[in-house]
Amino acid sequence: MKEQSQTIPILLILVAAIFGAAAQYFFKQGSIRLMEVFILKNYYLIAGLISFWIVLALILMSFRYGGKMMVVYPTYGTTYIWGLLLAHYIDKEAVNPVQIAGIFVIILGIGLVSYQR
């Protein structure tokens, strides 16, 4: 039995991870405005919810295209990397060498957990 390629599921889940990080950013911005803006007019919260719905759809598509759980979920862990990049480039949060090392540990961990022979 031929093993199904994980390329499409991985690409889908990487896009899902970007949307997941964006959703967290939107929720952060929405929470800042929670007391000022009526919840149904808090467009950041709405954007966060829509982003998470997109994440769900992409995860489902990833599995539909043959994604293996041991590949898909570790790859979704790149959300932490995308979140760090959003915080740094949009909110101008400082990134230190330990965090950079953490990015490499995340990538190494994803590779090790997802490795298949």
Protein backbone atom coordinates (compact mmCIF):
# COMPACT_ATOMS: atom_id res chain seq x y z
CA MET A 1 0.00 0.00 0.00
CA LYS A 2 1.45 3.34 -1.08
CA GLU A 3 1.83 5.96 1.63
CA GLN A 4 -0.04 9.18 0.92
CA SER A 5 2.05 12.36 0.57
CA GLN A 6 1.86 14.77 3.47
CA THR A 7 2.80 17.84 1.40
CA ILE A 8 -0.74 19.21 0.89
CA PRO A 9 -1.81 18.56 4.52
CA ILE A 10 1.36 20.26 5.78
CA LEU A 11 0.82 23.31 3.57
CA LEU A 12 -2.81 23.54 4.69
CA ILE A 13 -1.88 23.29 8.35
CA LEU A 14 0.87 25.93 7.97
CA VAL A 15 -1.75 28.33 6.59
CA ALA A 16 -4.03 27.30 9.49
CA ALA A 17 -1.22 28.11 11.93
CA ILE A 18 -0.86 31.59 10.45
CA PHE A 19 -4.61 32.15 10.81
CA GLY A 20 -4.42 30.78 14.36
CA ALA A 21 -1.75 33.29 15.30
CA ALA A 22 -3.76 36.06 13.64
CA ALA A 23 -6.82 35.00 15.64
CA GLN A 24 -4.85 35.29 18.88
CA TYR A 25 -3.64 38.73 17.84
CA PHE A 26 -7.21 39.81 17.05
CA PHE A 27 -8.40 38.49 20.42
CA LYS A 28 -5.65 40.43 22.17
CA GLN A 29 -6.67 43.63 20.39
CA GLY A 30 -10.36 42.91 21.00
CA SER A 31 -9.81 42.32 24.71
CA ILE A 32 -8.17 45.73 25.04
CA ARG A 33 -11.38 47.31 23.70
CA LEU A 34 -13.77 45.04 25.61
CA MET A 35 -14.98 47.71 28.04
CA GLU A 36 -15.15 50.47 25.40
CA VAL A 37 -17.00 48.75 22.57
CA PHE A 38 -20.18 46.65 22.59
CA ILE A 39 -19.08 43.04 22.08
CA LEU A 40 -20.99 42.64 18.80
CA LYS A 41 -19.29 45.77 17.44
CA ASN A 42 -15.84 44.70 18.55
CA TYR A 43 -14.51 43.91 15.10
CA TYR A 44 -11.27 42.50 16.45
CA LEU A 45 -13.17 39.82 18.35
CA ILE A 46 -15.27 39.06 15.28
CA ALA A 47 -12.09 38.82 13.16
CA GLY A 48 -10.63 36.44 15.75
CA LEU A 49 -13.69 34.20 15.58
CA ILE A 50 -13.66 34.18 11.78
CA SER A 51 -9.95 33.36 11.82
CA PHE A 52 -10.56 30.39 14.11
CA TRP A 53 -13.36 29.13 11.85
CA ILE A 54 -10.88 29.27 8.98
CA VAL A 55 -8.40 27.32 11.13
CA LEU A 56 -11.03 24.66 11.76
CA ALA A 57 -11.84 24.40 8.04
CA LEU A 58 -8.15 24.11 7.14
CA ILE A 59 -7.55 21.42 9.76
CA LEU A 60 -10.51 19.45 8.42
CA MET A 61 -9.22 19.85 4.86
CA SER A 62 -5.78 18.74 5.97
CA PHE A 63 -7.21 15.50 7.34
CA ARG A 64 -9.42 15.09 4.28
CA TYR A 65 -6.31 15.22 2.08
CA GLY A 66 -4.75 12.39 4.08
CA GLY A 67 -2.97 14.32 6.80
CA LYS A 68 -1.67 12.19 9.61
CA MET A 69 -2.31 13.38 13.13
CA MET A 70 1.35 12.88 14.02
CA VAL A 71 2.26 15.32 11.22
CA VAL A 72 -0.63 17.79 11.25
CA TYR A 73 -0.79 18.70 14.93
CA PRO A 74 2.93 19.16 15.54
CA THR A 75 3.08 21.36 12.43
CA TYR A 76 0.26 23.47 13.86
CA GLY A 77 2.74 24.24 16.64
CA THR A 78 4.29 26.79 14.30
CA THR A 79 1.48 29.04 15.56
CA TYR A 80 3.87 30.05 18.35
CA ILE A 81 6.41 31.20 15.79
CA TRP A 82 3.86 33.17 13.77
CA GLY A 83 2.56 34.73 17.00
CA LEU A 84 6.04 35.85 17.95
CA LEU A 85 6.53 37.38 14.50
CA LEU A 86 3.19 39.22 14.68
CA ALA A 87 4.03 40.56 18.14
CA HIS A 88 7.44 41.70 16.96
CA TYR A 89 6.50 43.30 13.65
CA ILE A 90 3.06 44.70 14.47
CA ASP A 91 3.22 45.47 18.19
CA LYS A 92 6.98 46.14 18.13
CA GLU A 93 7.59 43.73 21.01
CA ALA A 94 11.25 42.93 21.57
CA VAL A 95 12.55 39.47 20.71
CA ASN A 96 15.50 38.16 22.70
CA PRO A 97 18.06 35.46 21.92
CA VAL A 98 16.33 32.91 24.16
CA GLN A 99 13.12 33.34 22.15
CA ILE A 100 15.06 32.90 18.91
CA ALA A 101 16.54 29.69 20.35
CA GLY A 102 12.99 28.64 21.27
CA ILE A 103 11.93 29.03 17.65
CA PHE A 104 14.67 26.62 16.60
CA VAL A 105 13.66 24.17 19.35
CA ILE A 106 10.04 24.31 18.11
CA ILE A 107 11.15 23.62 14.54
CA LEU A 108 13.42 20.79 15.71
CA GLY A 109 10.62 19.32 17.82
CA ILE A 110 8.12 19.46 14.97
CA GLY A 111 10.63 17.73 12.71
CA LEU A 112 11.39 15.02 15.25
CA VAL A 113 7.77 14.31 16.16
CA SER A 114 6.67 14.33 12.52
CA TYR A 115 9.59 12.24 11.23
CA GLN A 116 8.50 9.11 9.43
CA ARG A 117 10.64 6.32 7.97
